C-alpha atoms as a PDB file:
ATOM      1  CA  MET A   1     -22.890  50.471   2.855  1.00  0.00           C
ATOM      2  CA  ILE A   2     -20.136  50.866   5.571  1.00  0.00           C
ATOM      3  CA  GLU A   3     -21.347  47.531   6.957  1.00  0.00           C
ATOM      4  CA  TYR A   4     -20.841  45.913   3.546  1.00  0.00           C
ATOM      5  CA  ALA A   5     -17.475  47.443   3.118  1.00  0.00           C
ATOM      6  CA  GLY A   6     -16.249  45.998   6.401  1.00  0.00           C
ATOM      7  CA  LEU A   7     -17.635  42.474   5.674  1.00  0.00           C
ATOM      8  CA  CYS A   8     -15.708  42.296   2.343  1.00  0.00           C
ATOM      9  CA  ILE A   9     -12.393  43.757   3.855  1.00  0.00           C
ATOM     10  CA  SER A  10     -12.771  41.209   6.951  1.00  0.00           C
ATOM     11  CA  VAL A  11     -13.417  38.462   4.288  1.00  0.00           C
ATOM     12  CA  GLY A  12     -10.585  39.470   2.294  1.00  0.00           C
ATOM     13  CA  ILE A  13      -8.144  39.697   5.236  1.00  0.00           C
ATOM     14  CA  LEU A  14      -9.262  36.231   6.469  1.00  0.00           C
ATOM     15  CA  MET A  15      -8.767  34.721   3.019  1.00  0.00           C
ATOM     16  CA  GLY A  16      -5.404  36.329   2.784  1.00  0.00           C
ATOM     17  CA  ALA A  17      -4.241  34.740   6.150  1.00  0.00           C
ATOM     18  CA  TYR A  18      -5.696  31.199   5.045  1.00  0.00           C
ATOM     19  CA  CYS A  19      -3.824  31.916   1.719  1.00  0.00           C
ATOM     20  CA  ARG A  20      -0.285  32.614   3.236  1.00  0.00           C
ATOM     21  CA  THR A  21      -1.045  29.205   5.457  1.00  0.00           C
ATOM     22  CA  ASP A  22      -1.535  26.978   2.190  1.00  0.00           C
ATOM     23  CA  LYS A  23       1.256  28.888   0.484  1.00  0.00           C
ATOM     24  CA  ARG A  24       3.831  27.595   3.007  1.00  0.00           C
ATOM     25  CA  LYS A  25       2.065  24.119   2.841  1.00  0.00           C
ATOM     26  CA  ALA A  26       2.894  24.144  -0.932  1.00  0.00           C
ATOM     27  CA  GLN A  27       6.486  25.391  -0.269  1.00  0.00           C
ATOM     28  CA  ASP A  28       6.856  22.616   2.151  1.00  0.00           C
ATOM     29  CA  LEU A  29       5.562  19.946  -0.234  1.00  0.00           C
ATOM     30  CA  ALA A  30       7.942  21.229  -3.198  1.00  0.00           C
ATOM     31  CA  ARG A  31      10.880  20.904  -0.888  1.00  0.00           C
ATOM     32  CA  ILE A  32      10.153  17.328  -0.083  1.00  0.00           C
ATOM     33  CA  THR A  33      13.097  14.899  -1.270  1.00  0.00           C
ATOM     34  CA  GLN A  34      11.681  12.153  -3.493  1.00  0.00           C
ATOM     35  CA  ILE A  35      13.931   8.995  -2.968  1.00  0.00           C
ATOM     36  CA  ASP A  36      13.554   6.663  -5.965  1.00  0.00           C
ATOM     37  CA  GLU A  37      15.374   3.770  -4.364  1.00  0.00           C
ATOM     38  CA  LEU A  38      15.810   3.251  -0.422  1.00  0.00           C
ATOM     39  CA  LYS A  39      19.644   3.009  -0.718  1.00  0.00           C
ATOM     40  CA  GLY A  40      19.325   6.794  -1.908  1.00  0.00           C
ATOM     41  CA  LEU A  41      18.250   7.707   1.698  1.00  0.00           C
ATOM     42  CA  VAL A  42      21.273   6.280   3.271  1.00  0.00           C
ATOM     43  CA  GLU A  43      23.215   8.195   0.829  1.00  0.00           C
ATOM     44  CA  LEU A  44      21.360  11.452   1.563  1.00  0.00           C
ATOM     45  CA  LEU A  45      21.829  10.906   5.423  1.00  0.00           C
ATOM     46  CA  GLU A  46      25.411  10.670   4.786  1.00  0.00           C
ATOM     47  CA  LYS A  47      25.782  13.956   3.308  1.00  0.00           C
ATOM     48  CA  GLU A  48      23.126  15.861   5.649  1.00  0.00           C
ATOM     49  CA  PRO A  49      23.549  13.887   8.809  1.00  0.00           C
ATOM     50  CA  LEU A  50      21.955  16.785  10.968  1.00  0.00           C
ATOM     51  CA  SER A  51      19.565  18.217   8.596  1.00  0.00           C
ATOM     52  CA  ASN A  52      16.554  15.352   9.036  1.00  0.00           C
ATOM     53  CA  PRO A  53      15.264  16.013   5.661  1.00  0.00           C
ATOM     54  CA  VAL A  54      11.451  15.320   4.731  1.00  0.00           C
ATOM     55  CA  VAL A  55      11.283  12.742   2.317  1.00  0.00           C
ATOM     56  CA  ALA A  56       9.060  10.636   0.271  1.00  0.00           C
ATOM     57  CA  ILE A  57       9.994   7.037  -0.033  1.00  0.00           C
ATOM     58  CA  PHE A  58       8.402   3.680  -1.603  1.00  0.00           C
ATOM     59  CA  GLY A  59       8.791   0.131  -0.510  1.00  0.00           C
ATOM     60  CA  THR A  60       6.771  -3.085   0.681  1.00  0.00           C
ATOM     61  CA  VAL A  61       6.087  -3.540   4.492  1.00  0.00           C
ATOM     62  CA  GLY A  62       8.461  -6.116   6.285  1.00  0.00           C
ATOM     63  CA  SER A  63       9.251  -6.957   9.771  1.00  0.00           C
ATOM     64  CA  ASN A  64      11.387  -9.398  11.630  1.00  0.00           C
ATOM     65  CA  SER A  65       8.828  -9.881  14.470  1.00  0.00           C
ATOM     66  CA  ALA A  66       5.697  -9.980  12.387  1.00  0.00           C
ATOM     67  CA  VAL A  67       2.424 -11.187  14.323  1.00  0.00           C
ATOM     68  CA  GLU A  68      -0.262 -13.487  13.027  1.00  0.00           C
ATOM     69  CA  THR A  69      -3.732 -12.086  13.656  1.00  0.00           C
ATOM     70  CA  THR A  70      -6.343 -14.230  15.963  1.00  0.00           C
ATOM     71  CA  ARG A  71      -9.182 -14.010  13.731  1.00  0.00           C
ATOM     72  CA  SER A  72      -8.150 -13.839  10.030  1.00  0.00           C
ATOM     73  CA  GLY A  73      -4.629 -15.529  10.505  1.00  0.00           C
ATOM     74  CA  THR A  74      -3.061 -12.683   8.547  1.00  0.00           C
ATOM     75  CA  LEU A  75       0.655 -11.993   9.015  1.00  0.00           C
ATOM     76  CA  CYS A  76       1.174  -8.374   9.797  1.00  0.00           C
ATOM     77  CA  VAL A  77       2.729  -5.524  11.575  1.00  0.00           C
ATOM     78  CA  PHE A  78      -0.233  -3.635  12.892  1.00  0.00           C
ATOM     79  CA  SER A  79      -3.705  -4.989  13.815  1.00  0.00           C
ATOM     80  CA  GLU A  80      -6.721  -3.612  15.616  1.00  0.00           C
ATOM     81  CA  GLU A  81      -9.968  -5.170  16.282  1.00  0.00           C
ATOM     82  CA  THR A  82     -13.162  -3.124  17.061  1.00  0.00           C
ATOM     83  CA  ALA A  83     -16.656  -4.332  17.933  1.00  0.00           C
ATOM     84  CA  ARG A  84     -19.913  -2.350  17.852  1.00  0.00           C
ATOM     85  CA  VAL A  85     -21.916  -2.642  21.185  1.00  0.00           C
ATOM     86  CA  CYS A  86     -25.250  -1.423  21.981  1.00  0.00           C
ATOM     87  CA  TYR A  87     -26.210  -0.496  25.664  1.00  0.00           C
ATOM     88  CA  LYS A  88     -29.853  -0.935  27.021  1.00  0.00           C
ATOM     89  CA  PRO A  89     -31.061  -3.618  25.056  1.00  0.00           C
ATOM     90  CA  GLU A  90     -34.530  -2.129  25.181  1.00  0.00           C
ATOM     91  CA  LYS A  91     -33.444   0.251  22.719  1.00  0.00           C
ATOM     92  CA  ASN A  92     -33.421  -0.488  18.788  1.00  0.00           C
ATOM     93  CA  CYS A  93     -29.844  -1.995  17.931  1.00  0.00           C
ATOM     94  CA  ASN A  94     -30.133  -2.296  14.472  1.00  0.00           C
ATOM     95  CA  THR A  95     -27.220  -1.643  12.392  1.00  0.00           C
ATOM     96  CA  ASP A  96     -29.021   1.034  10.416  1.00  0.00           C
ATOM     97  CA  SER A  97     -30.045   2.736  13.918  1.00  0.00           C
ATOM     98  CA  SER A  98     -28.681   6.157  14.847  1.00  0.00           C
ATOM     99  CA  SER A  99     -28.990   5.486  18.688  1.00  0.00           C
ATOM    100  CA  ASN A 100     -26.507   7.208  20.521  1.00  0.00           C
ATOM    101  CA  GLU A 101     -26.311   4.075  22.726  1.00  0.00           C
ATOM    102  CA  SER A 102     -24.554   2.064  19.985  1.00  0.00           C
ATOM    103  CA  LYS A 103     -20.778   2.451  20.388  1.00  0.00           C
ATOM    104  CA  GLU A 104     -17.667   1.067  18.730  1.00  0.00           C
ATOM    105  CA  VAL A 105     -15.120  -0.546  21.204  1.00  0.00           C
ATOM    106  CA  MET A 106     -11.667  -1.482  20.851  1.00  0.00           C
ATOM    107  CA  LEU A 107     -11.015  -5.052  21.583  1.00  0.00           C
ATOM    108  CA  TYR A 108      -7.252  -4.751  21.076  1.00  0.00           C
ATOM    109  CA  ARG A 109      -4.313  -3.237  19.096  1.00  0.00           C
ATOM    110  CA  LYS A 110      -0.949  -4.566  18.492  1.00  0.00           C
ATOM    111  CA  ASP A 111       1.999  -3.214  16.407  1.00  0.00           C
ATOM    112  CA  VAL A 112       5.650  -4.347  16.046  1.00  0.00           C
ATOM    113  CA  PRO A 113       8.552  -2.659  14.789  1.00  0.00           C
ATOM    114  CA  TRP A 114       8.510  -2.569  10.797  1.00  0.00           C
ATOM    115  CA  TYR A 115      10.520  -1.454   7.821  1.00  0.00           C
ATOM    116  CA  LEU A 116       9.972  -0.646   4.034  1.00  0.00           C
ATOM    117  CA  ASP A 117      12.213  -2.663   1.579  1.00  0.00           C
ATOM    118  CA  ASP A 118      12.775  -2.145  -2.037  1.00  0.00           C
ATOM    119  CA  GLY A 119      15.444  -4.535  -2.856  1.00  0.00           C
ATOM    120  CA  THR A 120      17.911  -1.848  -2.715  1.00  0.00           C
ATOM    121  CA  GLY A 121      17.760  -0.969   0.893  1.00  0.00           C
ATOM    122  CA  ARG A 122      15.665  -1.235   4.073  1.00  0.00           C
ATOM    123  CA  VAL A 123      14.326   1.820   6.150  1.00  0.00           C
ATOM    124  CA  TYR A 124      12.440   1.657   9.550  1.00  0.00           C
ATOM    125  CA  VAL A 125       9.432   3.470  10.022  1.00  0.00           C
ATOM    126  CA  LYS A 126       7.998   4.704  13.292  1.00  0.00           C
ATOM    127  CA  GLY A 127       4.583   6.414  14.338  1.00  0.00           C
ATOM    128  CA  THR A 128       2.497   5.637  11.364  1.00  0.00           C
ATOM    129  CA  GLN A 129      -0.896   5.223  13.086  1.00  0.00           C
ATOM    130  CA  PHE A 130      -0.993   8.893  13.724  1.00  0.00           C
ATOM    131  CA  ALA A 131      -0.230   9.749  10.084  1.00  0.00           C
ATOM    132  CA  LYS A 132      -2.758  11.126   7.544  1.00  0.00           C
ATOM    133  CA  GLY A 133      -4.143   8.291   5.354  1.00  0.00           C
ATOM    134  CA  PHE A 134      -2.768   5.477   7.585  1.00  0.00           C
ATOM    135  CA  TYR A 135      -5.836   3.885   8.221  1.00  0.00           C
ATOM    136  CA  ASP A 136      -6.761   4.002   4.554  1.00  0.00           C
ATOM    137  CA  THR A 137      -3.934   1.639   3.700  1.00  0.00           C
ATOM    138  CA  LEU A 138      -5.418  -1.000   6.191  1.00  0.00           C
ATOM    139  CA  ASN A 139      -7.137  -4.225   4.854  1.00  0.00           C
ATOM    140  CA  LYS A 140     -10.422  -4.916   6.634  1.00  0.00           C
ATOM    141  CA  TYR A 141     -11.808  -8.021   7.656  1.00  0.00           C
ATOM    142  CA  ILE A 142     -15.508  -8.450   9.272  1.00  0.00           C
ATOM    143  CA  PHE A 143     -16.417 -11.124  11.546  1.00  0.00           C
ATOM    144  CA  THR A 144     -19.714 -12.588  13.040  1.00  0.00           C
ATOM    145  CA  GLU A 145     -17.801 -14.502  15.999  1.00  0.00           C
ATOM    146  CA  PRO A 146     -18.959 -13.852  19.324  1.00  0.00           C
ATOM    147  CA  VAL A 147     -16.705 -11.357  21.140  1.00  0.00           C
ATOM    148  CA  MET A 148     -18.754 -11.703  24.568  1.00  0.00           C
ATOM    149  CA  GLU A 149     -15.670 -12.735  26.413  1.00  0.00           C
ATOM    150  CA  HIS A 150     -13.973  -9.303  25.990  1.00  0.00           C
ATOM    151  CA  PHE A 151     -16.912  -7.669  27.835  1.00  0.00           C
ATOM    152  CA  GLU A 152     -18.072 -10.180  30.704  1.00  0.00           C
ATOM    153  CA  ARG A 153     -15.929  -8.383  33.314  1.00  0.00           C
ATOM    154  CA  PHE A 154     -17.234  -4.829  32.335  1.00  0.00           C
ATOM    155  CA  PHE A 155     -21.030  -5.683  31.604  1.00  0.00           C
ATOM    156  CA  SER A 156     -23.571  -8.247  32.476  1.00  0.00           C
ATOM    157  CA  VAL A 157     -25.108  -9.936  29.265  1.00  0.00           C
ATOM    158  CA  LYS A 158     -28.552  -8.177  29.989  1.00  0.00           C
ATOM    159  CA  ASP A 159     -26.882  -4.936  29.800  1.00  0.00           C
ATOM    160  CA  VAL A 160     -25.368  -5.428  26.302  1.00  0.00           C
ATOM    161  CA  GLN A 161     -26.474  -6.433  22.759  1.00  0.00           C
ATOM    162  CA  TYR A 162     -24.150  -7.113  19.936  1.00  0.00           C
ATOM    163  CA  VAL A 163     -24.619  -5.578  16.592  1.00  0.00           C
ATOM    164  CA  PRO A 164     -24.384  -8.362  13.811  1.00  0.00           C
ATOM    165  CA  ASN A 165     -21.353  -8.410  11.627  1.00  0.00           C
ATOM    166  CA  SER A 166     -19.697  -5.610  13.672  1.00  0.00           C
ATOM    167  CA  CYS A 167     -16.510  -7.327  14.861  1.00  0.00           C
ATOM    168  CA  CYS A 168     -13.958  -5.841  12.613  1.00  0.00           C
ATOM    169  CA  GLU A 169     -10.213  -6.276  12.304  1.00  0.00           C
ATOM    170  CA  HIS A 170      -7.840  -3.925  10.531  1.00  0.00           C
ATOM    171  CA  VAL A 171      -4.551  -4.894   9.449  1.00  0.00           C
ATOM    172  CA  LEU A 172      -1.215  -3.775   7.799  1.00  0.00           C
ATOM    173  CA  GLU A 173      -0.134  -7.134   6.114  1.00  0.00           C
ATOM    174  CA  ILE A 174       3.298  -7.986   5.466  1.00  0.00           C
ATOM    175  CA  GLY A 175       4.349  -7.259   1.596  1.00  0.00           C
ATOM    176  CA  LYS A 176       1.983  -4.284   1.593  1.00  0.00           C
ATOM    177  CA  PRO A 177       3.260  -1.726  -0.977  1.00  0.00           C
ATOM    178  CA  LEU A 178       3.371   1.860   0.646  1.00  0.00           C
ATOM    179  CA  THR A 179       4.597   5.410  -0.106  1.00  0.00           C
ATOM    180  CA  ILE A 180       5.451   7.494   3.156  1.00  0.00           C
ATOM    181  CA  ILE A 181       6.080  11.019   3.583  1.00  0.00           C
ATOM    182  CA  GLY A 182       8.209  11.688   6.686  1.00  0.00           C
ATOM    183  CA  LYS A 183      11.230  13.049   8.551  1.00  0.00           C
ATOM    184  CA  ALA A 184      14.213  11.015   7.906  1.00  0.00           C
ATOM    185  CA  GLU A 185      16.846  10.304  10.685  1.00  0.00           C
ATOM    186  CA  ARG A 186      18.984   7.634  12.069  1.00  0.00           C
ATOM    187  CA  ASP A 187      18.209   5.641  14.968  1.00  0.00           C
ATOM    188  CA  LYS A 188      20.171   4.967  17.983  1.00  0.00           C
ATOM    189  CA  ASN A 189      22.029   2.127  16.123  1.00  0.00           C
ATOM    190  CA  GLY A 190      22.393   4.350  12.991  1.00  0.00           C
ATOM    191  CA  ALA A 191      20.095   2.791  10.803  1.00  0.00           C
ATOM    192  CA  PRO A 192      17.982   4.903   8.412  1.00  0.00           C
ATOM    193  CA  THR A 193      14.770   5.575   9.782  1.00  0.00           C
ATOM    194  CA  ILE A 194      11.400   7.507   9.233  1.00  0.00           C
ATOM    195  CA  GLY A 195      11.203   8.823  12.782  1.00  0.00           C
ATOM    196  CA  ARG A 196       8.114  11.059  11.992  1.00  0.00           C
ATOM    197  CA  VAL A 197       5.394  10.053   9.354  1.00  0.00           C
ATOM    198  CA  TYR A 198       3.270  12.908   7.924  1.00  0.00           C
ATOM    199  CA  GLN A 199       1.310  10.876   5.141  1.00  0.00           C
ATOM    200  CA  VAL A 200       0.846   7.372   3.723  1.00  0.00           C
ATOM    201  CA  PHE A 201      -0.291   6.294   0.510  1.00  0.00           C
ATOM    202  CA  ASN A 202      -1.515   3.152  -0.976  1.00  0.00           C
ATOM    203  CA  GLY A 203       1.117   1.677  -3.511  1.00  0.00           C
ATOM    204  CA  ARG A 204       3.757   3.716  -5.366  1.00  0.00           C
ATOM    205  CA  SER A 205       2.252   7.023  -5.342  1.00  0.00           C
ATOM    206  CA  MET A 206       5.420   9.507  -5.756  1.00  0.00           C
ATOM    207  CA  ASN A 207       3.935  11.550  -8.308  1.00  0.00           C
ATOM    208  CA  LYS A 208       0.963  12.450  -5.844  1.00  0.00           C
ATOM    209  CA  VAL A 209       3.630  14.566  -3.987  1.00  0.00           C
ATOM    210  CA  ASP A 210       4.024  16.891  -6.986  1.00  0.00           C
ATOM    211  CA  GLU A 211       0.180  16.716  -7.539  1.00  0.00           C
ATOM    212  CA  MET A 212      -0.556  17.927  -3.976  1.00  0.00           C
ATOM    213  CA  ALA A 213       1.943  20.744  -4.517  1.00  0.00           C
ATOM    214  CA  SER A 214       0.586  21.695  -7.857  1.00  0.00           C
ATOM    215  CA  ASP A 215      -2.853  21.499  -6.695  1.00  0.00           C
ATOM    216  CA  LEU A 216      -2.382  23.637  -3.277  1.00  0.00           C
ATOM    217  CA  LYS A 217      -0.269  26.193  -5.506  1.00  0.00           C
ATOM    218  CA  SER A 218      -3.279  26.779  -7.795  1.00  0.00           C
ATOM    219  CA  ILE A 219      -5.674  27.043  -5.188  1.00  0.00           C
ATOM    220  CA  THR A 220      -3.610  29.522  -3.225  1.00  0.00           C
ATOM    221  CA  GLU A 221      -3.231  31.601  -6.158  1.00  0.00           C
ATOM    222  CA  CYS A 222      -6.906  31.730  -6.806  1.00  0.00           C
ATOM    223  CA  CYS A 223      -7.526  32.398  -3.285  1.00  0.00           C
ATOM    224  CA  GLU A 224      -5.085  35.426  -3.311  1.00  0.00           C
ATOM    225  CA  MET A 225      -6.826  36.843  -6.250  1.00  0.00           C
ATOM    226  CA  LEU A 226     -10.165  36.553  -4.603  1.00  0.00           C
ATOM    227  CA  SER A 227      -8.821  37.881  -1.354  1.00  0.00           C
ATOM    228  CA  LEU A 228      -7.199  41.028  -3.169  1.00  0.00           C
ATOM    229  CA  LEU A 229     -10.632  41.539  -5.082  1.00  0.00           C
ATOM    230  CA  LEU A 230     -12.739  41.427  -1.956  1.00  0.00           C
ATOM    231  CA  THR A 231     -10.476  43.875  -0.167  1.00  0.00           C
ATOM    232  CA  GLY A 232     -10.431  46.101  -3.069  1.00  0.00           C
ATOM    233  CA  ILE A 233     -14.260  46.150  -3.368  1.00  0.00           C
ATOM    234  CA  GLY A 234     -14.781  46.736   0.205  1.00  0.00           C
ATOM    235  CA  VAL A 235     -12.232  49.746   0.190  1.00  0.00           C
ATOM    236  CA  SER A 236     -13.972  50.970  -2.900  1.00  0.00           C
ATOM    237  CA  ILE A 237     -17.473  50.735  -1.214  1.00  0.00           C
ATOM    238  CA  LEU A 238     -16.017  52.668   1.796  1.00  0.00           C
ATOM    239  CA  ALA A 239     -14.332  55.536  -0.182  1.00  0.00           C
ATOM    240  CA  VAL A 240     -17.718  56.084  -1.927  1.00  0.00           C
ATOM    241  CA  SER A 241     -19.513  56.101   1.486  1.00  0.00           C
ATOM    242  CA  VAL A 242     -17.060  58.349   2.941  1.00  0.00           C
ATOM    243  CA  LEU A 243     -17.223  60.895  -0.134  1.00  0.00           C
ATOM    244  CA  THR A 244     -20.955  60.899  -0.456  1.00  0.00           C
ATOM    245  CA  ALA A 245     -21.536  61.297   3.235  1.00  0.00           C
END
């Protein structure tokens, strides 16, 4: 009986700690300032120049130095090309194979400074590739062109096989509509910038911030009730065990 009591109390305490973490996240989401127009971010930074508020903004991707990808010819601000290679050609290298010898290798990555623009203002964005949801916003192009030239200096032809249709290009295209949650600040030239990006969504998704906060709050409340219930059951079992001993 005591073992069951200890288990219930332990699980209840762990759930309580987890709830407190989620509760802080929900409170942080609720404090996010949603900027309807990008010109509003300039006004916000003028009112609170030292606060670096966390904001949610929407706009389309633009750049003064966009690049054209080598394979798809897409005009973009971020591109990454990968290929799947298979070592030891005597092994099975089909795309359906789960062999550990098959690996995805990056061929190149290119990114340039870019911004969001909604017609009312322009806000530069930095460090998005490390943000949650960034790779979900990229367009994907698959090619069958040979990529052997990228590996000739590392492997001999007999050591490597290439899985068909495995050369893949991921790009963030010019004109892509995005919603970004991040920390607002000014760069060294005084331009409004999102200096640290936390999450990226496709399209206009300002309502998702409120939904995330509401969902997390609901989960936290349920978790807190379950934590109290398990702790209460554990204490009750422990008390009965002590009294009947």
